[in-house]
Amino acid sequence: MADSERLFAPCECADDCGEYVEVTADEYASAHREEDHVLVVPGHSVAAGSAGAVVVAANDRFAIVSEGWSRDLVATPQERARLAELQAQARFTINCECDRCERSNDWVDVEITLDEWNALPLPSKRRVIAIGHPTPGGPELLRNERFVAVGE
């Protein structure tokens, strides 16, 4: 398709109007370079984030609107430091995955941090087992005072 050839793309407005906007391939690509940009029929409403919607570009055929939610995700250095601290220290609970707990359906809780969870392979490739519970064969991936993670 030539860059100047026009195509019809669905309007991405908040009302899900079902109308179409006429754009070139380049215009369409430009409209979607940012996560929170939407392509709408001029004048149609968007789902604005707390930063508010801003028209980035407009003509008689379409408008590119920044909904403003990506600006909501900007964190200060202090917020990023606090998030890193929470990921490393705050614990959540999962079920022990040893054979005994899985057979009995009476699982023991295992506390794990987000950093520990993210360091492990996908659940289909490992088991997290409470300390003191029987572990199957397989390589040991991570061990601490709360659990041992083993590969399948």
N, C-alpha and C. Protein backbone atom coordinates (compact mmCIF):
# COMPACT_ATOMS: atom_id res chain seq x y z
N MET A 1 0.84 -1.17 0.00
CA MET A 1 0.00 0.00 0.00
C MET A 1 0.89 1.23 0.00
N ALA A 2 0.60 2.21 -0.82
CA ALA A 2 1.35 3.46 -0.83
C ALA A 2 1.02 4.23 0.44
N ASP A 3 2.00 4.99 0.93
CA ASP A 3 1.80 5.75 2.16
C ASP A 3 0.66 6.74 2.04
N SER A 4 0.37 7.22 0.84
CA SER A 4 -0.70 8.20 0.66
C SER A 4 -2.06 7.55 0.44
N GLU A 5 -2.06 6.23 0.24
CA GLU A 5 -3.32 5.53 0.06
C GLU A 5 -4.07 5.52 1.38
N ARG A 6 -5.35 5.79 1.33
CA ARG A 6 -6.13 5.90 2.56
C ARG A 6 -6.83 4.58 2.90
N LEU A 7 -6.94 4.36 4.18
CA LEU A 7 -7.66 3.20 4.68
C LEU A 7 -8.65 3.67 5.72
N PHE A 8 -9.56 2.82 6.08
CA PHE A 8 -10.56 3.16 7.09
C PHE A 8 -10.26 2.38 8.36
N ALA A 9 -10.07 3.11 9.45
CA ALA A 9 -9.77 2.52 10.76
C ALA A 9 -10.93 2.81 11.70
N PRO A 10 -11.24 1.89 12.59
CA PRO A 10 -12.34 2.14 13.52
C PRO A 10 -12.02 3.29 14.46
N CYS A 11 -13.02 4.11 14.74
CA CYS A 11 -12.89 5.18 15.72
C CYS A 11 -12.65 4.55 17.09
N GLU A 12 -11.71 5.08 17.84
CA GLU A 12 -11.34 4.52 19.14
C GLU A 12 -11.88 5.37 20.29
N CYS A 13 -13.04 5.96 20.08
CA CYS A 13 -13.61 6.85 21.10
C CYS A 13 -14.15 6.06 22.28
N ALA A 14 -14.42 6.78 23.36
CA ALA A 14 -14.91 6.16 24.60
C ALA A 14 -16.31 5.58 24.42
N ASP A 15 -17.07 6.11 23.46
CA ASP A 15 -18.44 5.65 23.26
C ASP A 15 -18.55 4.42 22.36
N ASP A 16 -17.42 3.97 21.80
CA ASP A 16 -17.42 2.81 20.90
C ASP A 16 -18.49 2.99 19.83
N CYS A 17 -18.38 4.11 19.11
CA CYS A 17 -19.44 4.55 18.19
C CYS A 17 -19.62 3.66 16.96
N GLY A 18 -18.60 2.92 16.57
CA GLY A 18 -18.71 2.08 15.38
C GLY A 18 -18.41 2.82 14.08
N GLU A 19 -18.08 4.10 14.16
CA GLU A 19 -17.74 4.85 12.95
C GLU A 19 -16.29 4.59 12.58
N TYR A 20 -15.90 5.09 11.42
CA TYR A 20 -14.54 4.91 10.92
C TYR A 20 -13.91 6.26 10.61
N VAL A 21 -12.57 6.29 10.73
CA VAL A 21 -11.81 7.47 10.32
C VAL A 21 -11.00 7.08 9.10
N GLU A 22 -10.79 8.05 8.21
CA GLU A 22 -10.03 7.82 6.99
C GLU A 22 -8.61 8.32 7.22
N VAL A 23 -7.63 7.41 7.13
CA VAL A 23 -6.23 7.76 7.42
C VAL A 23 -5.31 7.06 6.43
N THR A 24 -4.09 7.59 6.31
CA THR A 24 -3.05 6.88 5.56
C THR A 24 -2.35 5.94 6.53
N ALA A 25 -1.55 5.04 6.01
CA ALA A 25 -0.79 4.12 6.87
C ALA A 25 0.14 4.90 7.79
N ASP A 26 0.78 5.96 7.26
CA ASP A 26 1.67 6.77 8.10
C ASP A 26 0.91 7.48 9.21
N GLU A 27 -0.27 8.00 8.89
CA GLU A 27 -1.07 8.68 9.91
C GLU A 27 -1.51 7.70 10.99
N TYR A 28 -1.90 6.51 10.57
CA TYR A 28 -2.32 5.49 11.53
C TYR A 28 -1.15 5.13 12.45
N ALA A 29 0.02 4.91 11.88
CA ALA A 29 1.20 4.57 12.68
C ALA A 29 1.54 5.70 13.64
N SER A 30 1.48 6.93 13.16
CA SER A 30 1.76 8.08 14.01
C SER A 30 0.79 8.17 15.18
N ALA A 31 -0.46 7.84 14.93
CA ALA A 31 -1.49 7.90 15.98
C ALA A 31 -1.23 6.89 17.09
N HIS A 32 -0.50 5.83 16.80
CA HIS A 32 -0.31 4.77 17.79
C HIS A 32 1.13 4.64 18.28
N ARG A 33 1.90 5.69 18.14
CA ARG A 33 3.28 5.66 18.63
C ARG A 33 3.35 5.72 20.16
N GLU A 34 2.37 6.33 20.76
CA GLU A 34 2.31 6.44 22.23
C GLU A 34 1.19 5.55 22.75
N GLU A 35 1.41 4.96 23.94
CA GLU A 35 0.44 4.03 24.51
C GLU A 35 -0.94 4.62 24.71
N ASP A 36 -1.00 5.90 25.11
CA ASP A 36 -2.30 6.46 25.46
C ASP A 36 -2.91 7.32 24.36
N HIS A 37 -2.37 7.23 23.13
CA HIS A 37 -2.95 7.97 22.02
C HIS A 37 -4.03 7.14 21.34
N VAL A 38 -5.12 7.80 21.00
CA VAL A 38 -6.22 7.15 20.29
C VAL A 38 -6.57 7.95 19.05
N LEU A 39 -7.12 7.27 18.09
CA LEU A 39 -7.52 7.85 16.80
C LEU A 39 -9.04 7.92 16.80
N VAL A 40 -9.59 9.14 16.68
CA VAL A 40 -11.04 9.30 16.78
C VAL A 40 -11.57 10.21 15.69
N VAL A 41 -12.88 10.11 15.48
CA VAL A 41 -13.59 11.07 14.64
C VAL A 41 -13.50 12.41 15.37
N PRO A 42 -13.18 13.50 14.69
CA PRO A 42 -13.07 14.79 15.37
C PRO A 42 -14.31 15.09 16.22
N GLY A 43 -14.07 15.48 17.46
CA GLY A 43 -15.16 15.83 18.37
C GLY A 43 -15.66 14.69 19.23
N HIS A 44 -15.24 13.45 18.95
CA HIS A 44 -15.69 12.33 19.78
C HIS A 44 -14.93 12.31 21.10
N SER A 45 -15.57 11.79 22.14
CA SER A 45 -14.98 11.79 23.48
C SER A 45 -14.01 10.62 23.65
N VAL A 46 -13.08 10.80 24.59
CA VAL A 46 -12.11 9.75 24.93
C VAL A 46 -12.16 9.49 26.42
N ALA A 47 -11.59 8.38 26.85
CA ALA A 47 -11.52 8.04 28.27
C ALA A 47 -10.28 8.72 28.86
N ALA A 48 -10.47 9.90 29.38
CA ALA A 48 -9.33 10.70 29.85
C ALA A 48 -8.80 10.19 31.18
N GLY A 49 -7.46 10.18 31.29
CA GLY A 49 -6.81 9.87 32.55
C GLY A 49 -6.84 11.09 33.44
N SER A 50 -6.23 10.98 34.62
CA SER A 50 -6.27 12.10 35.57
C SER A 50 -5.54 13.32 35.06
N ALA A 51 -4.60 13.14 34.10
CA ALA A 51 -3.89 14.27 33.54
C ALA A 51 -4.73 15.00 32.50
N GLY A 52 -5.84 14.42 32.09
CA GLY A 52 -6.72 15.05 31.11
C GLY A 52 -6.32 14.73 29.69
N ALA A 53 -7.31 14.75 28.82
CA ALA A 53 -7.08 14.47 27.41
C ALA A 53 -6.54 15.71 26.70
N VAL A 54 -5.64 15.48 25.73
CA VAL A 54 -5.05 16.56 24.96
C VAL A 54 -5.06 16.15 23.49
N VAL A 55 -5.56 17.04 22.63
CA VAL A 55 -5.53 16.78 21.20
C VAL A 55 -4.10 16.98 20.71
N VAL A 56 -3.52 15.93 20.15
CA VAL A 56 -2.14 15.97 19.66
C VAL A 56 -2.10 16.46 18.22
N ALA A 57 -3.05 16.01 17.42
CA ALA A 57 -3.13 16.42 16.02
C ALA A 57 -4.58 16.26 15.58
N ALA A 58 -5.01 17.11 14.64
CA ALA A 58 -6.38 17.00 14.16
C ALA A 58 -6.48 17.61 12.77
N ASN A 59 -7.40 17.08 12.00
CA ASN A 59 -7.74 17.65 10.70
C ASN A 59 -9.21 17.36 10.47
N ASP A 60 -9.70 17.53 9.26
CA ASP A 60 -11.11 17.31 9.00
C ASP A 60 -11.50 15.83 8.97
N ARG A 61 -10.52 14.92 8.91
CA ARG A 61 -10.80 13.48 8.82
C ARG A 61 -10.67 12.75 10.15
N PHE A 62 -9.74 13.17 11.04
CA PHE A 62 -9.49 12.46 12.29
C PHE A 62 -8.83 13.38 13.30
N ALA A 63 -8.81 12.90 14.54
CA ALA A 63 -8.07 13.56 15.62
C ALA A 63 -7.26 12.49 16.34
N ILE A 64 -6.04 12.84 16.70
CA ILE A 64 -5.21 11.99 17.55
C ILE A 64 -5.23 12.63 18.92
N VAL A 65 -5.70 11.88 19.91
CA VAL A 65 -5.88 12.42 21.24
C VAL A 65 -5.07 11.61 22.24
N SER A 66 -4.31 12.30 23.09
CA SER A 66 -3.63 11.65 24.20
C SER A 66 -4.63 11.61 25.35
N GLU A 67 -4.98 10.40 25.79
CA GLU A 67 -5.97 10.27 26.87
C GLU A 67 -5.41 10.74 28.20
N GLY A 68 -4.09 10.77 28.35
CA GLY A 68 -3.49 11.31 29.56
C GLY A 68 -3.20 10.30 30.65
N TRP A 69 -3.53 9.04 30.44
CA TRP A 69 -3.27 8.08 31.51
C TRP A 69 -1.82 7.67 31.60
N SER A 70 -1.05 7.76 30.52
CA SER A 70 0.36 7.38 30.62
C SER A 70 1.12 8.35 31.52
N ARG A 71 0.65 9.59 31.59
CA ARG A 71 1.27 10.55 32.50
C ARG A 71 0.96 10.21 33.94
N ASP A 72 -0.13 9.46 34.18
CA ASP A 72 -0.45 9.02 35.54
C ASP A 72 0.61 8.06 36.06
N LEU A 73 1.30 7.37 35.16
CA LEU A 73 2.24 6.32 35.55
C LEU A 73 3.65 6.85 35.86
N VAL A 74 3.87 8.15 35.71
CA VAL A 74 5.18 8.72 35.96
C VAL A 74 5.40 8.78 37.47
N ALA A 75 6.48 8.18 37.92
CA ALA A 75 6.78 8.13 39.36
C ALA A 75 7.99 9.00 39.67
N THR A 76 7.96 9.62 40.84
CA THR A 76 9.09 10.41 41.29
C THR A 76 10.21 9.46 41.72
N PRO A 77 11.44 9.94 41.85
CA PRO A 77 12.51 9.07 42.35
C PRO A 77 12.19 8.48 43.72
N GLN A 78 11.52 9.23 44.58
CA GLN A 78 11.15 8.72 45.90
C GLN A 78 10.12 7.60 45.78
N GLU A 79 9.16 7.75 44.86
CA GLU A 79 8.16 6.71 44.65
C GLU A 79 8.80 5.45 44.08
N ARG A 80 9.74 5.61 43.15
CA ARG A 80 10.44 4.45 42.58
C ARG A 80 11.26 3.74 43.65
N ALA A 81 11.90 4.50 44.53
CA ALA A 81 12.68 3.90 45.62
C ALA A 81 11.77 3.13 46.58
N ARG A 82 10.62 3.70 46.89
CA ARG A 82 9.67 3.03 47.79
C ARG A 82 9.13 1.76 47.13
N LEU A 83 8.84 1.81 45.84
CA LEU A 83 8.36 0.63 45.12
C LEU A 83 9.41 -0.47 45.13
N ALA A 84 10.67 -0.11 44.89
CA ALA A 84 11.75 -1.11 44.92
C ALA A 84 11.87 -1.72 46.32
N GLU A 85 11.72 -0.91 47.35
CA GLU A 85 11.78 -1.41 48.73
C GLU A 85 10.63 -2.39 48.99
N LEU A 86 9.44 -2.05 48.54
CA LEU A 86 8.30 -2.94 48.74
C LEU A 86 8.47 -4.25 47.98
N GLN A 87 8.97 -4.18 46.74
CA GLN A 87 9.17 -5.39 45.95
C GLN A 87 10.18 -6.32 46.62
N ALA A 88 11.15 -5.74 47.31
CA ALA A 88 12.18 -6.55 47.95
C ALA A 88 11.77 -7.06 49.33
N GLN A 89 10.87 -6.34 50.03
CA GLN A 89 10.60 -6.68 51.42
C GLN A 89 9.18 -7.15 51.71
N ALA A 90 8.20 -6.56 51.07
CA ALA A 90 6.80 -6.91 51.37
C ALA A 90 6.51 -8.31 50.85
N ARG A 91 5.85 -9.10 51.68
CA ARG A 91 5.58 -10.49 51.32
C ARG A 91 4.11 -10.71 51.01
N PHE A 92 3.86 -11.60 50.07
CA PHE A 92 2.51 -12.09 49.84
C PHE A 92 2.54 -13.60 50.02
N THR A 93 1.39 -14.22 50.05
CA THR A 93 1.28 -15.64 50.39
C THR A 93 0.83 -16.45 49.19
N ILE A 94 1.51 -17.58 48.99
CA ILE A 94 1.10 -18.56 47.99
C ILE A 94 0.96 -19.91 48.68
N ASN A 95 0.38 -20.88 48.01
CA ASN A 95 0.25 -22.23 48.56
C ASN A 95 1.53 -23.01 48.36
N CYS A 96 1.90 -23.81 49.37
CA CYS A 96 3.02 -24.73 49.23
C CYS A 96 2.67 -25.71 48.11
N GLU A 97 3.66 -26.01 47.27
CA GLU A 97 3.43 -26.87 46.12
C GLU A 97 4.06 -28.25 46.28
N CYS A 98 4.28 -28.68 47.53
CA CYS A 98 4.81 -30.03 47.72
C CYS A 98 3.70 -31.05 47.46
N ASP A 99 4.10 -32.28 47.18
CA ASP A 99 3.12 -33.33 46.88
C ASP A 99 2.14 -33.52 48.01
N ARG A 100 2.62 -33.49 49.26
CA ARG A 100 1.75 -33.72 50.42
C ARG A 100 0.65 -32.65 50.50
N CYS A 101 1.02 -31.38 50.35
CA CYS A 101 0.02 -30.30 50.42
C CYS A 101 -0.96 -30.39 49.25
N GLU A 102 -0.45 -30.69 48.07
CA GLU A 102 -1.33 -30.77 46.91
C GLU A 102 -2.29 -31.96 46.99
N ARG A 103 -1.84 -33.09 47.57
CA ARG A 103 -2.71 -34.26 47.71
C ARG A 103 -3.80 -34.01 48.74
N SER A 104 -3.46 -33.33 49.82
CA SER A 104 -4.40 -33.17 50.93
C SER A 104 -5.35 -31.99 50.73
N ASN A 105 -5.06 -31.11 49.78
CA ASN A 105 -5.83 -29.88 49.61
C ASN A 105 -5.88 -29.05 50.89
N ASP A 106 -4.89 -29.23 51.74
CA ASP A 106 -4.77 -28.48 52.99
C ASP A 106 -3.40 -27.80 52.96
N TRP A 107 -3.30 -26.79 52.10
CA TRP A 107 -2.01 -26.18 51.82
C TRP A 107 -1.48 -25.35 52.98
N VAL A 108 -0.19 -25.39 53.10
CA VAL A 108 0.53 -24.52 54.03
C VAL A 108 0.85 -23.25 53.24
N ASP A 109 0.73 -22.10 53.90
CA ASP A 109 1.07 -20.84 53.25
C ASP A 109 2.58 -20.64 53.20
N VAL A 110 3.05 -20.12 52.08
CA VAL A 110 4.46 -19.78 51.90
C VAL A 110 4.52 -18.28 51.58
N GLU A 111 5.30 -17.55 52.35
CA GLU A 111 5.46 -16.12 52.10
C GLU A 111 6.61 -15.90 51.11
N ILE A 112 6.38 -14.99 50.14
CA ILE A 112 7.37 -14.72 49.11
C ILE A 112 7.27 -13.24 48.74
N THR A 113 8.40 -12.62 48.41
CA THR A 113 8.37 -11.23 47.96
C THR A 113 8.21 -11.20 46.44
N LEU A 114 7.87 -10.05 45.92
CA LEU A 114 7.73 -9.91 44.47
C LEU A 114 9.08 -10.10 43.78
N ASP A 115 10.15 -9.61 44.38
CA ASP A 115 11.48 -9.82 43.80
C ASP A 115 11.81 -11.30 43.71
N GLU A 116 11.51 -12.05 44.78
CA GLU A 116 11.78 -13.49 44.76
C GLU A 116 10.92 -14.17 43.69
N TRP A 117 9.65 -13.81 43.62
CA TRP A 117 8.73 -14.39 42.64
C TRP A 117 9.22 -14.13 41.22
N ASN A 118 9.61 -12.89 40.95
CA ASN A 118 10.06 -12.52 39.60
C ASN A 118 11.38 -13.18 39.22
N ALA A 119 12.18 -13.58 40.21
CA ALA A 119 13.46 -14.22 39.92
C ALA A 119 13.29 -15.69 39.53
N LEU A 120 12.12 -16.26 39.80
CA LEU A 120 11.88 -17.67 39.52
C LEU A 120 11.36 -17.87 38.09
N PRO A 121 11.57 -19.07 37.54
CA PRO A 121 10.98 -19.39 36.22
C PRO A 121 9.45 -19.41 36.32
N LEU A 122 8.80 -19.55 35.19
CA LEU A 122 7.34 -19.64 35.15
C LEU A 122 6.85 -20.78 36.04
N PRO A 123 5.62 -20.66 36.59
CA PRO A 123 5.10 -21.70 37.48
C PRO A 123 5.12 -23.10 36.87
N SER A 124 4.98 -23.24 35.57
CA SER A 124 5.00 -24.57 34.96
C SER A 124 6.38 -25.20 34.99
N LYS A 125 7.39 -24.44 35.31
CA LYS A 125 8.76 -24.93 35.29
C LYS A 125 9.39 -25.04 36.68
N ARG A 126 8.61 -24.78 37.74
CA ARG A 126 9.17 -24.83 39.08
C ARG A 126 8.08 -25.06 40.13
N ARG A 127 8.53 -25.40 41.35
CA ARG A 127 7.62 -25.55 42.48
C ARG A 127 8.21 -24.80 43.66
N VAL A 128 7.36 -24.10 44.42
CA VAL A 128 7.77 -23.40 45.63
C VAL A 128 7.23 -24.19 46.81
N ILE A 129 8.16 -24.62 47.69
CA ILE A 129 7.81 -25.56 48.76
C ILE A 129 8.24 -24.98 50.10
N ALA A 130 7.37 -25.11 51.09
CA ALA A 130 7.66 -24.62 52.44
C ALA A 130 8.86 -25.37 53.02
N ILE A 131 9.67 -24.67 53.79
CA ILE A 131 10.81 -25.30 54.45
C ILE A 131 10.29 -26.40 55.37
N GLY A 132 10.95 -27.56 55.32
CA GLY A 132 10.54 -28.70 56.13
C GLY A 132 9.60 -29.65 55.42
N HIS A 133 9.07 -29.25 54.29
CA HIS A 133 8.20 -30.13 53.51
C HIS A 133 9.04 -30.91 52.52
N PRO A 134 8.56 -32.09 52.12
CA PRO A 134 9.35 -32.91 51.19
C PRO A 134 9.48 -32.24 49.82
N THR A 135 10.68 -32.28 49.30
CA THR A 135 10.92 -31.69 47.98
C THR A 135 11.17 -32.79 46.96
N PRO A 136 10.62 -32.64 45.77
CA PRO A 136 10.88 -33.62 44.72
C PRO A 136 12.28 -33.41 44.19
N GLY A 137 12.71 -34.30 43.33
CA GLY A 137 14.00 -34.10 42.68
C GLY A 137 13.94 -32.87 41.80
N GLY A 138 15.04 -32.53 41.27
CA GLY A 138 15.09 -31.35 40.41
C GLY A 138 16.06 -30.34 40.99
N PRO A 139 16.57 -29.48 40.16
CA PRO A 139 17.57 -28.52 40.63
C PRO A 139 16.96 -27.51 41.60
N GLU A 140 17.73 -27.17 42.61
CA GLU A 140 17.30 -26.15 43.56
C GLU A 140 17.56 -24.78 42.93
N LEU A 141 16.51 -23.96 42.84
CA LEU A 141 16.60 -22.66 42.19
C LEU A 141 16.83 -21.53 43.18
N LEU A 142 16.21 -21.64 44.35
CA LEU A 142 16.31 -20.59 45.36
C LEU A 142 15.95 -21.20 46.70
N ARG A 143 16.69 -20.81 47.75
CA ARG A 143 16.40 -21.30 49.10
C ARG A 143 16.59 -20.14 50.07
N ASN A 144 15.67 -20.06 51.01
CA ASN A 144 15.82 -19.11 52.11
C ASN A 144 15.15 -19.70 53.34
N GLU A 145 14.93 -18.90 54.37
CA GLU A 145 14.37 -19.41 55.62
C GLU A 145 12.88 -19.75 55.53
N ARG A 146 12.23 -19.37 54.44
CA ARG A 146 10.79 -19.60 54.29
C ARG A 146 10.42 -20.70 53.29
N PHE A 147 11.23 -20.86 52.24
CA PHE A 147 10.87 -21.81 51.20
C PHE A 147 12.11 -22.24 50.41
N VAL A 148 11.89 -23.32 49.64
CA VAL A 148 12.87 -23.74 48.63
C VAL A 148 12.11 -23.85 47.31
N ALA A 149 12.69 -23.31 46.27
CA ALA A 149 12.10 -23.42 44.94
C ALA A 149 12.94 -24.41 44.15
N VAL A 150 12.25 -25.37 43.54
CA VAL A 150 12.96 -26.39 42.76
C VAL A 150 12.42 -26.40 41.34
N GLY A 151 13.27 -26.71 40.40
CA GLY A 151 12.89 -26.80 38.99
C GLY A 151 12.20 -28.13 38.72
N GLU A 152 11.38 -28.14 37.73
CA GLU A 152 10.68 -29.37 37.32
C GLU A 152 11.53 -30.13 36.34
